[in-house]
Amino acid sequence: MTANGYGDVSFWLETCGDDLAPRPPLDGSIDADVAILGAGYTGLWTALYLLRRAPRLKVVILEKEIAGFGASGRNGAWCAPDFNISLP
């Protein structure tokens, strides 16, 4: 699984329907009340909760790769039938 020079990507990114093309870098400076580095689960949830509590904040999320590229996009939460347990 490869996508536009990103090397191996997770199943979730491979099947998301986006071309995974790099977004253009910032052109110049940007003003924000809060700058969040990283568009993984932590960064995106932080932005969401900040905006819910203070909708007038100008929140900017900066991501080097693509949203969910790192550990957040590789989270597998797979079910495995390897555990031999009995439920009542």
PDB file of N, CA and C in Angstrom:
ATOM      1  N   MET A   1       0.838  -1.178   0.000  1.00  0.00           N
ATOM      2  CA  MET A   1       0.000   0.000   0.000  1.00  0.00           C
ATOM      3  C   MET A   1       0.883   1.242   0.000  1.00  0.00           C
ATOM      4  N   THR A   2       0.864   1.976  -1.056  1.00  0.00           N
ATOM      5  CA  THR A   2       1.603   3.239  -1.081  1.00  0.00           C
ATOM      6  C   THR A   2       0.699   4.331  -1.618  1.00  0.00           C
ATOM      7  N   ALA A   3       0.981   5.535  -1.227  1.00  0.00           N
ATOM      8  CA  ALA A   3       0.157   6.661  -1.664  1.00  0.00           C
ATOM      9  C   ALA A   3       1.025   7.898  -1.804  1.00  0.00           C
ATOM     10  N   ASN A   4       1.261   8.312  -3.014  1.00  0.00           N
ATOM     11  CA  ASN A   4       1.954   9.570  -3.300  1.00  0.00           C
ATOM     12  C   ASN A   4       3.207   9.815  -2.472  1.00  0.00           C
ATOM     13  N   GLY A   5       4.087   8.840  -2.407  1.00  0.00           N
ATOM     14  CA  GLY A   5       5.344   9.044  -1.718  1.00  0.00           C
ATOM     15  C   GLY A   5       5.282   8.952  -0.206  1.00  0.00           C
ATOM     16  N   TYR A   6       4.158   8.572   0.369  1.00  0.00           N
ATOM     17  CA  TYR A   6       4.065   8.470   1.816  1.00  0.00           C
ATOM     18  C   TYR A   6       4.528   7.109   2.319  1.00  0.00           C
ATOM     19  N   GLY A   7       4.868   6.191   1.422  1.00  0.00           N
ATOM     20  CA  GLY A   7       5.255   4.858   1.868  1.00  0.00           C
ATOM     21  C   GLY A   7       4.030   4.092   2.310  1.00  0.00           C
ATOM     22  N   ASP A   8       4.242   3.149   3.164  1.00  0.00           N
ATOM     23  CA  ASP A   8       3.116   2.352   3.642  1.00  0.00           C
ATOM     24  C   ASP A   8       2.205   3.202   4.512  1.00  0.00           C
ATOM     25  N   VAL A   9       0.930   3.111   4.237  1.00  0.00           N
ATOM     26  CA  VAL A   9      -0.065   3.815   5.048  1.00  0.00           C
ATOM     27  C   VAL A   9      -1.005   2.776   5.635  1.00  0.00           C
ATOM     28  N   SER A  10      -1.757   3.182   6.612  1.00  0.00           N
ATOM     29  CA  SER A  10      -2.677   2.260   7.264  1.00  0.00           C
ATOM     30  C   SER A  10      -3.817   1.871   6.328  1.00  0.00           C
ATOM     31  N   PHE A  11      -4.489   0.812   6.674  1.00  0.00           N
ATOM     32  CA  PHE A  11      -5.680   0.378   5.943  1.00  0.00           C
ATOM     33  C   PHE A  11      -6.699   1.510   5.863  1.00  0.00           C
ATOM     34  N   TRP A  12      -6.866   2.232   6.968  1.00  0.00           N
ATOM     35  CA  TRP A  12      -7.877   3.284   7.049  1.00  0.00           C
ATOM     36  C   TRP A  12      -7.561   4.415   6.077  1.00  0.00           C
ATOM     37  N   LEU A  13      -6.311   4.813   5.996  1.00  0.00           N
ATOM     38  CA  LEU A  13      -5.948   5.872   5.056  1.00  0.00           C
ATOM     39  C   LEU A  13      -6.008   5.379   3.617  1.00  0.00           C
ATOM     40  N   GLU A  14      -5.623   4.134   3.394  1.00  0.00           N
ATOM     41  CA  GLU A  14      -5.644   3.573   2.043  1.00  0.00           C
ATOM     42  C   GLU A  14      -7.068   3.517   1.492  1.00  0.00           C
ATOM     43  N   THR A  15      -8.059   3.292   2.346  1.00  0.00           N
ATOM     44  CA  THR A  15      -9.433   3.112   1.881  1.00  0.00           C
ATOM     45  C   THR A  15     -10.331   4.324   2.119  1.00  0.00           C
ATOM     46  N   CYS A  16      -9.761   5.460   2.503  1.00  0.00           N
ATOM     47  CA  CYS A  16     -10.592   6.619   2.853  1.00  0.00           C
ATOM     48  C   CYS A  16     -11.177   7.349   1.646  1.00  0.00           C
ATOM     49  N   GLY A  17     -10.657   7.100   0.455  1.00  0.00           N
ATOM     50  CA  GLY A  17     -11.204   7.762  -0.722  1.00  0.00           C
ATOM     51  C   GLY A  17     -10.505   9.057  -1.080  1.00  0.00           C
ATOM     52  N   ASP A  18      -9.573   9.511  -0.265  1.00  0.00           N
ATOM     53  CA  ASP A  18      -8.803  10.724  -0.555  1.00  0.00           C
ATOM     54  C   ASP A  18      -7.557  10.318  -1.325  1.00  0.00           C
ATOM     55  N   ASP A  19      -7.028  11.223  -2.129  1.00  0.00           N
ATOM     56  CA  ASP A  19      -5.813  10.899  -2.876  1.00  0.00           C
ATOM     57  C   ASP A  19      -4.555  11.010  -2.018  1.00  0.00           C
ATOM     58  N   LEU A  20      -4.669  11.481  -0.791  1.00  0.00           N
ATOM     59  CA  LEU A  20      -3.564  11.628   0.153  1.00  0.00           C
ATOM     60  C   LEU A  20      -2.456  12.536  -0.362  1.00  0.00           C
ATOM     61  N   ALA A  21      -2.792  13.397  -1.303  1.00  0.00           N
ATOM     62  CA  ALA A  21      -1.800  14.345  -1.820  1.00  0.00           C
ATOM     63  C   ALA A  21      -1.418  15.336  -0.728  1.00  0.00           C
ATOM     64  N   PRO A  22      -0.138  15.670  -0.645  1.00  0.00           N
ATOM     65  CA  PRO A  22       0.269  16.669   0.353  1.00  0.00           C
ATOM     66  C   PRO A  22      -0.452  17.993   0.125  1.00  0.00           C
ATOM     67  N   ARG A  23      -0.847  18.623   1.189  1.00  0.00           N
ATOM     68  CA  ARG A  23      -1.479  19.939   1.098  1.00  0.00           C
ATOM     69  C   ARG A  23      -0.381  20.984   0.996  1.00  0.00           C
ATOM     70  N   PRO A  24      -0.666  22.117   0.404  1.00  0.00           N
ATOM     71  CA  PRO A  24       0.380  23.143   0.276  1.00  0.00           C
ATOM     72  C   PRO A  24       0.790  23.682   1.640  1.00  0.00           C
ATOM     73  N   PRO A  25       2.055  24.055   1.785  1.00  0.00           N
ATOM     74  CA  PRO A  25       2.500  24.640   3.054  1.00  0.00           C
ATOM     75  C   PRO A  25       1.881  26.014   3.259  1.00  0.00           C
ATOM     76  N   LEU A  26       1.918  26.476   4.488  1.00  0.00           N
ATOM     77  CA  LEU A  26       1.432  27.824   4.772  1.00  0.00           C
ATOM     78  C   LEU A  26       2.220  28.833   3.951  1.00  0.00           C
ATOM     79  N   ASP A  27       1.529  29.787   3.413  1.00  0.00           N
ATOM     80  CA  ASP A  27       2.167  30.842   2.637  1.00  0.00           C
ATOM     81  C   ASP A  27       2.192  32.098   3.499  1.00  0.00           C
ATOM     82  N   GLY A  28       3.266  32.305   4.216  1.00  0.00           N
ATOM     83  CA  GLY A  28       3.344  33.462   5.097  1.00  0.00           C
ATOM     84  C   GLY A  28       2.929  33.102   6.505  1.00  0.00           C
ATOM     85  N   SER A  29       2.473  34.103   7.227  1.00  0.00           N
ATOM     86  CA  SER A  29       2.094  33.880   8.624  1.00  0.00           C
ATOM     87  C   SER A  29       0.580  33.802   8.752  1.00  0.00           C
ATOM     88  N   ILE A  30       0.146  33.323   9.900  1.00  0.00           N
ATOM     89  CA  ILE A  30      -1.282  33.212  10.171  1.00  0.00           C
ATOM     90  C   ILE A  30      -1.507  33.606  11.629  1.00  0.00           C
ATOM     91  N   ASP A  31      -2.588  34.301  11.889  1.00  0.00           N
ATOM     92  CA  ASP A  31      -2.933  34.699  13.255  1.00  0.00           C
ATOM     93  C   ASP A  31      -3.917  33.693  13.830  1.00  0.00           C
ATOM     94  N   ALA A  32      -3.677  33.294  15.072  1.00  0.00           N
ATOM     95  CA  ALA A  32      -4.570  32.353  15.742  1.00  0.00           C
ATOM     96  C   ALA A  32      -4.488  32.571  17.241  1.00  0.00           C
ATOM     97  N   ASP A  33      -5.571  32.247  17.918  1.00  0.00           N
ATOM     98  CA  ASP A  33      -5.560  32.254  19.378  1.00  0.00           C
ATOM     99  C   ASP A  33      -4.861  31.006  19.903  1.00  0.00           C
ATOM    100  N   VAL A  34      -5.082  29.888  19.201  1.00  0.00           N
ATOM    101  CA  VAL A  34      -4.492  28.611  19.597  1.00  0.00           C
ATOM    102  C   VAL A  34      -3.962  27.923  18.349  1.00  0.00           C
ATOM    103  N   ALA A  35      -2.729  27.446  18.413  1.00  0.00           N
ATOM    104  CA  ALA A  35      -2.145  26.644  17.335  1.00  0.00           C
ATOM    105  C   ALA A  35      -1.911  25.240  17.876  1.00  0.00           C
ATOM    106  N   ILE A  36      -2.464  24.256  17.197  1.00  0.00           N
ATOM    107  CA  ILE A  36      -2.328  22.863  17.603  1.00  0.00           C
ATOM    108  C   ILE A  36      -1.422  22.178  16.594  1.00  0.00           C
ATOM    109  N   LEU A  37      -0.386  21.532  17.091  1.00  0.00           N
ATOM    110  CA  LEU A  37       0.550  20.823  16.225  1.00  0.00           C
ATOM    111  C   LEU A  37       0.171  19.355  16.182  1.00  0.00           C
ATOM    112  N   GLY A  38      -0.255  18.900  15.012  1.00  0.00           N
ATOM    113  CA  GLY A  38      -0.614  17.505  14.831  1.00  0.00           C
ATOM    114  C   GLY A  38      -2.108  17.305  14.676  1.00  0.00           C
ATOM    115  N   ALA A  39      -2.490  16.614  13.595  1.00  0.00           N
ATOM    116  CA  ALA A  39      -3.901  16.353  13.316  1.00  0.00           C
ATOM    117  C   ALA A  39      -4.240  14.885  13.548  1.00  0.00           C
ATOM    118  N   GLY A  40      -3.740  14.361  14.661  1.00  0.00           N
ATOM    119  CA  GLY A  40      -4.141  13.027  15.091  1.00  0.00           C
ATOM    120  C   GLY A  40      -5.333  13.152  16.025  1.00  0.00           C
ATOM    121  N   TYR A  41      -5.650  12.062  16.711  1.00  0.00           N
ATOM    122  CA  TYR A  41      -6.786  12.102  17.636  1.00  0.00           C
ATOM    123  C   TYR A  41      -6.652  13.217  18.667  1.00  0.00           C
ATOM    124  N   THR A  42      -5.487  13.327  19.266  1.00  0.00           N
ATOM    125  CA  THR A  42      -5.309  14.318  20.330  1.00  0.00           C
ATOM    126  C   THR A  42      -5.482  15.732  19.807  1.00  0.00           C
ATOM    127  N   GLY A  43      -4.864  16.050  18.681  1.00  0.00           N
ATOM    128  CA  GLY A  43      -4.970  17.396  18.124  1.00  0.00           C
ATOM    129  C   GLY A  43      -6.381  17.742  17.682  1.00  0.00           C
ATOM    130  N   LEU A  44      -7.038  16.814  16.990  1.00  0.00           N
ATOM    131  CA  LEU A  44      -8.391  17.085  16.495  1.00  0.00           C
ATOM    132  C   LEU A  44      -9.401  17.195  17.634  1.00  0.00           C
ATOM    133  N   TRP A  45      -9.306  16.301  18.635  1.00  0.00           N
ATOM    134  CA  TRP A  45     -10.219  16.383  19.776  1.00  0.00           C
ATOM    135  C   TRP A  45      -9.980  17.646  20.583  1.00  0.00           C
ATOM    136  N   THR A  46      -8.716  18.037  20.716  1.00  0.00           N
ATOM    137  CA  THR A  46      -8.411  19.273  21.436  1.00  0.00           C
ATOM    138  C   THR A  46      -9.068  20.456  20.746  1.00  0.00           C
ATOM    139  N   ALA A  47      -8.948  20.528  19.432  1.00  0.00           N
ATOM    140  CA  ALA A  47      -9.571  21.618  18.679  1.00  0.00           C
ATOM    141  C   ALA A  47     -11.089  21.594  18.846  1.00  0.00           C
ATOM    142  N   LEU A  48     -11.681  20.423  18.747  1.00  0.00           N
ATOM    143  CA  LEU A  48     -13.135  20.303  18.880  1.00  0.00           C
ATOM    144  C   LEU A  48     -13.610  20.797  20.243  1.00  0.00           C
ATOM    145  N   TYR A  49     -12.974  20.331  21.306  1.00  0.00           N
ATOM    146  CA  TYR A  49     -13.397  20.735  22.649  1.00  0.00           C
ATOM    147  C   TYR A  49     -13.135  22.211  22.926  1.00  0.00           C
ATOM    148  N   LEU A  50     -12.021  22.732  22.437  1.00  0.00           N
ATOM    149  CA  LEU A  50     -11.774  24.172  22.596  1.00  0.00           C
ATOM    150  C   LEU A  50     -12.877  24.988  21.928  1.00  0.00           C
ATOM    151  N   LEU A  51     -13.238  24.607  20.711  1.00  0.00           N
ATOM    152  CA  LEU A  51     -14.254  25.367  19.973  1.00  0.00           C
ATOM    153  C   LEU A  51     -15.654  25.192  20.560  1.00  0.00           C
ATOM    154  N   ARG A  52     -15.917  24.051  21.165  1.00  0.00           N
ATOM    155  CA  ARG A  52     -17.207  23.879  21.844  1.00  0.00           C
ATOM    156  C   ARG A  52     -17.312  24.792  23.057  1.00  0.00           C
ATOM    157  N   ARG A  53     -16.215  24.945  23.783  1.00  0.00           N
ATOM    158  CA  ARG A  53     -16.222  25.783  24.986  1.00  0.00           C
ATOM    159  C   ARG A  53     -16.080  27.260  24.669  1.00  0.00           C
ATOM    160  N   ALA A  54     -15.384  27.581  23.589  1.00  0.00           N
ATOM    161  CA  ALA A  54     -15.132  28.983  23.230  1.00  0.00           C
ATOM    162  C   ALA A  54     -15.199  29.124  21.709  1.00  0.00           C
ATOM    163  N   PRO A  55     -16.421  29.164  21.149  1.00  0.00           N
ATOM    164  CA  PRO A  55     -16.588  29.178  19.699  1.00  0.00           C
ATOM    165  C   PRO A  55     -15.912  30.348  18.981  1.00  0.00           C
ATOM    166  N   ARG A  56     -15.594  31.402  19.694  1.00  0.00           N
ATOM    167  CA  ARG A  56     -14.979  32.562  19.038  1.00  0.00           C
ATOM    168  C   ARG A  56     -13.461  32.444  18.901  1.00  0.00           C
ATOM    169  N   LEU A  57     -12.892  31.418  19.493  1.00  0.00           N
ATOM    170  CA  LEU A  57     -11.450  31.218  19.349  1.00  0.00           C
ATOM    171  C   LEU A  57     -11.101  30.930  17.894  1.00  0.00           C
ATOM    172  N   LYS A  58      -9.976  31.445  17.466  1.00  0.00           N
ATOM    173  CA  LYS A  58      -9.466  31.079  16.146  1.00  0.00           C
ATOM    174  C   LYS A  58      -8.425  29.987  16.377  1.00  0.00           C
ATOM    175  N   VAL A  59      -8.811  28.749  16.038  1.00  0.00           N
ATOM    176  CA  VAL A  59      -7.965  27.587  16.262  1.00  0.00           C
ATOM    177  C   VAL A  59      -7.393  27.130  14.925  1.00  0.00           C
ATOM    178  N   VAL A  60      -6.093  26.905  14.895  1.00  0.00           N
ATOM    179  CA  VAL A  60      -5.416  26.436  13.691  1.00  0.00           C
ATOM    180  C   VAL A  60      -4.740  25.108  14.015  1.00  0.00           C
ATOM    181  N   ILE A  61      -4.954  24.115  13.147  1.00  0.00           N
ATOM    182  CA  ILE A  61      -4.293  22.821  13.303  1.00  0.00           C
ATOM    183  C   ILE A  61      -3.226  22.716  12.222  1.00  0.00           C
ATOM    184  N   LEU A  62      -1.998  22.474  12.637  1.00  0.00           N
ATOM    185  CA  LEU A  62      -0.878  22.337  11.706  1.00  0.00           C
ATOM    186  C   LEU A  62      -0.424  20.881  11.693  1.00  0.00           C
ATOM    187  N   GLU A  63      -0.322  20.308  10.512  1.00  0.00           N
ATOM    188  CA  GLU A  63       0.070  18.905  10.370  1.00  0.00           C
ATOM    189  C   GLU A  63       1.154  18.792   9.312  1.00  0.00           C
ATOM    190  N   LYS A  64       2.230  18.113   9.634  1.00  0.00           N
ATOM    191  CA  LYS A  64       3.343  17.957   8.699  1.00  0.00           C
ATOM    192  C   LYS A  64       2.983  17.018   7.550  1.00  0.00           C
ATOM    193  N   GLU A  65       2.277  15.957   7.831  1.00  0.00           N
ATOM    194  CA  GLU A  65       1.952  14.956   6.814  1.00  0.00           C
ATOM    195  C   GLU A  65       0.494  15.126   6.381  1.00  0.00           C
ATOM    196  N   ILE A  66      -0.345  14.168   6.719  1.00  0.00           N
ATOM    197  CA  ILE A  66      -1.784  14.231   6.466  1.00  0.00           C
ATOM    198  C   ILE A  66      -2.484  13.845   7.766  1.00  0.00           C
ATOM    199  N   ALA A  67      -3.707  14.296   7.943  1.00  0.00           N
ATOM    200  CA  ALA A  67      -4.441  14.002   9.182  1.00  0.00           C
ATOM    201  C   ALA A  67      -4.507  12.496   9.404  1.00  0.00           C
ATOM    202  N   GLY A  68      -4.153  12.079  10.598  1.00  0.00           N
ATOM    203  CA  GLY A  68      -4.199  10.664  10.940  1.00  0.00           C
ATOM    204  C   GLY A  68      -3.059   9.836  10.391  1.00  0.00           C
ATOM    205  N   PHE A  69      -1.995  10.461   9.922  1.00  0.00           N
ATOM    206  CA  PHE A  69      -0.899   9.717   9.299  1.00  0.00           C
ATOM    207  C   PHE A  69      -0.096   8.894  10.299  1.00  0.00           C
ATOM    208  N   GLY A  70       0.086   9.409  11.487  1.00  0.00           N
ATOM    209  CA  GLY A  70       0.931   8.729  12.478  1.00  0.00           C
ATOM    210  C   GLY A  70       0.185   7.644  13.225  1.00  0.00           C
ATOM    211  N   ALA A  71       0.409   7.597  14.513  1.00  0.00           N
ATOM    212  CA  ALA A  71      -0.158   6.536  15.344  1.00  0.00           C
ATOM    213  C   ALA A  71      -1.684   6.521  15.316  1.00  0.00           C
ATOM    214  N   SER A  72      -2.319   7.679  15.224  1.00  0.00           N
ATOM    215  CA  SER A  72      -3.788   7.720  15.207  1.00  0.00           C
ATOM    216  C   SER A  72      -4.357   6.989  14.003  1.00  0.00           C
ATOM    217  N   GLY A  73      -3.711   7.094  12.867  1.00  0.00           N
ATOM    218  CA  GLY A  73      -4.198   6.427  11.664  1.00  0.00           C
ATOM    219  C   GLY A  73      -3.847   4.956  11.600  1.00  0.00           C
ATOM    220  N   ARG A  74      -2.974   4.517  12.464  1.00  0.00           N
ATOM    221  CA  ARG A  74      -2.554   3.116  12.452  1.00  0.00           C
ATOM    222  C   ARG A  74      -3.190   2.306  13.581  1.00  0.00           C
ATOM    223  N   ASN A  75      -4.081   2.924  14.327  1.00  0.00           N
ATOM    224  CA  ASN A  75      -4.777   2.237  15.407  1.00  0.00           C
ATOM    225  C   ASN A  75      -5.631   1.131  14.812  1.00  0.00           C
ATOM    226  N   GLY A  76      -5.499  -0.066  15.303  1.00  0.00           N
ATOM    227  CA  GLY A  76      -6.144  -1.213  14.678  1.00  0.00           C
ATOM    228  C   GLY A  76      -7.362  -1.769  15.367  1.00  0.00           C
ATOM    229  N   ALA A  77      -7.573  -1.640  16.612  1.00  0.00           N
ATOM    230  CA  ALA A  77      -8.755  -2.122  17.336  1.00  0.00           C
ATOM    231  C   ALA A  77      -9.407  -3.334  16.683  1.00  0.00           C
ATOM    232  N   TRP A  78      -8.608  -4.277  16.273  1.00  0.00           N
ATOM    233  CA  TRP A  78      -9.134  -5.462  15.600  1.00  0.00           C
ATOM    234  C   TRP A  78      -9.689  -6.446  16.622  1.00  0.00           C
ATOM    235  N   CYS A  79     -10.713  -7.187  16.229  1.00  0.00           N
ATOM    236  CA  CYS A  79     -11.243  -8.267  17.058  1.00  0.00           C
ATOM    237  C   CYS A  79     -10.519  -9.552  16.669  1.00  0.00           C
ATOM    238  N   ALA A  80     -10.146 -10.332  17.641  1.00  0.00           N
ATOM    239  CA  ALA A  80      -9.455 -11.588  17.362  1.00  0.00           C
ATOM    240  C   ALA A  80     -10.144 -12.723  18.116  1.00  0.00           C
ATOM    241  N   PRO A  81     -10.389 -13.841  17.454  1.00  0.00           N
ATOM    242  CA  PRO A  81     -11.052 -14.972  18.104  1.00  0.00           C
ATOM    243  C   PRO A  81     -10.078 -15.826  18.914  1.00  0.00           C
ATOM    244  N   ASP A  82      -8.939 -15.305  19.270  1.00  0.00           N
ATOM    245  CA  ASP A  82      -7.903 -16.079  19.949  1.00  0.00           C
ATOM    246  C   ASP A  82      -8.148 -16.258  21.443  1.00  0.00           C
ATOM    247  N   PHE A  83      -9.053 -15.513  22.005  1.00  0.00           N
ATOM    248  CA  PHE A  83      -9.293 -15.597  23.440  1.00  0.00           C
ATOM    249  C   PHE A  83     -10.405 -16.603  23.701  1.00  0.00           C
ATOM    250  N   ASN A  84     -10.094 -17.589  24.488  1.00  0.00           N
ATOM    251  CA  ASN A  84     -11.028 -18.673  24.751  1.00  0.00           C
ATOM    252  C   ASN A  84     -11.747 -18.398  26.070  1.00  0.00           C
ATOM    253  N   ILE A  85     -12.855 -17.673  26.022  1.00  0.00           N
ATOM    254  CA  ILE A  85     -13.611 -17.372  27.232  1.00  0.00           C
ATOM    255  C   ILE A  85     -15.060 -17.796  27.045  1.00  0.00           C
ATOM    256  N   SER A  86     -15.710 -18.028  28.150  1.00  0.00           N
ATOM    257  CA  SER A  86     -17.132 -18.360  28.127  1.00  0.00           C
ATOM    258  C   SER A  86     -17.895 -17.244  28.812  1.00  0.00           C
ATOM    259  N   LEU A  87     -18.960 -16.818  28.206  1.00  0.00           N
ATOM    260  CA  LEU A  87     -19.810 -15.793  28.796  1.00  0.00           C
ATOM    261  C   LEU A  87     -21.072 -16.450  29.332  1.00  0.00           C
ATOM    262  N   PRO A  88     -21.584 -15.964  30.473  1.00  0.00           N
ATOM    263  CA  PRO A  88     -22.795 -16.578  31.055  1.00  0.00           C
ATOM    264  C   PRO A  88     -24.004 -16.419  30.157  1.00  0.00           C
TER     265      PRO A  88
END
